[in-house]
Amino acid sequence: MSRAAQGLRAWLLQRFTAIYLGVYLVLVLAYVGYRAPLGYEQWRSLLAQPMMSISTALFTLAMLLHAWVGVRDVLMDYVHAVWLRLMLMAASALMLLASLLWVLRSLALVAALDNA
């Protein structure tokens, strides 16, 4: 695969994730604005709903993919030492993966508490 195709794929991924992030944020902000103010129990019951839980998990995945493409491009452009670039990319990937797992765990706990 050529480098141009990889660049196009990263560009498209970042644009599609940005669209999902924008739509999700507008809908959640409209919901919260309509139902303001929400307490802990309302937030928990909202996030326990399957559709909201799935869309929040997809939002988190989209946000982390969006961040990965941006961080990867910055590191590729500005960190010229290959060993340092790889270390920074690995650290970034691990941090983003840990963040995704933390959010998924949180959503699973909310669903489990709601069903209990």
Protein backbone atom coordinates (compact mmCIF):
# COMPACT_ATOMS: atom_id res chain seq x y z
CA MET A 1 0.00 0.00 0.00
CA SER A 2 1.33 3.42 -0.87
CA ARG A 3 1.93 6.14 1.68
CA ALA A 4 -0.65 8.33 -0.06
CA ALA A 5 -3.35 5.70 0.54
CA GLN A 6 -2.40 5.50 4.23
CA GLY A 7 -2.63 9.29 4.47
CA LEU A 8 -6.03 9.29 2.80
CA ARG A 9 -7.28 6.57 5.14
CA ALA A 10 -6.12 8.54 8.20
CA TRP A 11 -7.70 11.71 6.83
CA LEU A 12 -11.03 9.95 6.19
CA LEU A 13 -10.96 8.27 9.60
CA GLN A 14 -10.43 11.59 11.31
CA ARG A 15 -13.25 13.24 9.33
CA PHE A 16 -15.74 10.44 9.99
CA THR A 17 -14.93 10.33 13.68
CA ALA A 18 -15.28 14.11 13.87
CA ILE A 19 -18.76 13.88 12.35
CA TYR A 20 -19.83 11.24 14.89
CA LEU A 21 -18.32 13.23 17.76
CA GLY A 22 -20.19 16.35 16.66
CA VAL A 23 -23.54 14.61 16.22
CA TYR A 24 -23.24 12.81 19.58
CA LEU A 25 -22.29 15.98 21.43
CA VAL A 26 -25.12 18.00 19.90
CA LEU A 27 -27.69 15.33 20.78
CA VAL A 28 -26.43 14.81 24.33
CA LEU A 29 -26.17 18.55 24.99
CA ALA A 30 -29.70 19.05 23.64
CA TYR A 31 -30.98 16.25 25.87
CA VAL A 32 -29.21 17.61 28.92
CA GLY A 33 -30.36 21.14 28.13
CA TYR A 34 -33.94 19.95 27.83
CA ARG A 35 -33.79 17.89 31.04
CA ALA A 36 -31.54 20.13 33.14
CA PRO A 37 -30.39 19.73 35.86
CA LEU A 38 -29.55 16.03 36.05
CA GLY A 39 -28.42 14.39 39.27
CA TYR A 40 -26.34 11.26 39.76
CA GLU A 41 -29.32 8.89 39.60
CA GLN A 42 -30.60 10.44 36.36
CA TRP A 43 -27.15 10.19 34.76
CA ARG A 44 -26.78 6.59 35.89
CA SER A 45 -30.19 5.59 34.55
CA LEU A 46 -29.48 7.42 31.27
CA LEU A 47 -26.16 5.63 30.80
CA ALA A 48 -27.72 2.28 31.74
CA GLN A 49 -30.04 2.42 28.73
CA PRO A 50 -28.62 0.13 26.01
CA MET A 51 -28.82 2.69 23.20
CA MET A 52 -27.10 5.37 25.25
CA SER A 53 -24.49 2.95 26.52
CA ILE A 54 -23.64 1.75 23.01
CA SER A 55 -23.56 5.26 21.57
CA THR A 56 -21.33 6.40 24.45
CA ALA A 57 -18.97 3.48 23.86
CA LEU A 58 -18.87 4.36 20.15
CA PHE A 59 -18.29 8.01 21.07
CA THR A 60 -15.33 7.00 23.22
CA LEU A 61 -13.91 4.78 20.49
CA ALA A 62 -14.35 7.56 17.90
CA MET A 63 -12.72 10.11 20.20
CA LEU A 64 -9.74 7.86 20.86
CA LEU A 65 -9.31 7.01 17.17
CA HIS A 66 -9.52 10.71 16.36
CA ALA A 67 -6.89 11.46 18.99
CA TRP A 68 -4.66 8.61 17.80
CA VAL A 69 -4.59 9.88 14.21
CA GLY A 70 -3.74 13.39 15.40
CA VAL A 71 -1.05 12.30 17.85
CA ARG A 72 0.45 9.88 15.33
CA ASP A 73 0.65 12.57 12.66
CA VAL A 74 2.24 15.08 15.03
CA LEU A 75 4.80 12.53 16.21
CA MET A 76 5.61 11.46 12.66
CA ASP A 77 6.07 15.07 11.58
CA TYR A 78 8.01 16.48 14.53
CA VAL A 79 9.87 13.65 16.27
CA HIS A 80 12.72 12.64 14.00
CA ALA A 81 14.50 10.10 16.20
CA VAL A 82 12.85 6.81 15.28
CA TRP A 83 13.36 5.19 18.71
CA LEU A 84 11.83 8.19 20.50
CA ARG A 85 8.92 8.35 18.05
CA LEU A 86 8.17 4.66 18.57
CA MET A 87 8.35 4.99 22.34
CA LEU A 88 6.01 7.99 22.32
CA MET A 89 3.61 6.24 19.94
CA ALA A 90 3.58 3.11 22.11
CA ALA A 91 2.99 5.18 25.26
CA SER A 92 0.18 7.08 23.54
CA ALA A 93 -1.42 3.88 22.26
CA LEU A 94 -1.28 2.28 25.71
CA MET A 95 -2.80 5.36 27.34
CA LEU A 96 -5.62 5.51 24.78
CA LEU A 97 -6.28 1.78 25.11
CA ALA A 98 -6.36 2.06 28.91
CA SER A 99 -8.82 4.96 28.60
CA LEU A 100 -11.09 2.90 26.34
CA LEU A 101 -11.04 -0.04 28.72
CA TRP A 102 -11.79 2.22 31.68
CA VAL A 103 -14.84 3.73 29.93
CA LEU A 104 -16.10 0.31 28.83
CA ARG A 105 -15.68 -0.99 32.40
CA SER A 106 -17.57 2.02 33.75
CA LEU A 107 -20.44 1.50 31.30
CA ALA A 108 -20.59 -2.22 32.18
CA LEU A 109 -20.71 -1.40 35.90
CA VAL A 110 -23.52 1.11 35.36
CA ALA A 111 -25.49 -1.50 33.42
CA ALA A 112 -24.84 -4.15 36.07
CA LEU A 113 -25.89 -1.84 38.93
CA ASP A 114 -29.04 -0.86 37.09
CA ASN A 115 -30.02 -4.50 36.55
CA ALA A 116 -29.29 -5.48 40.16
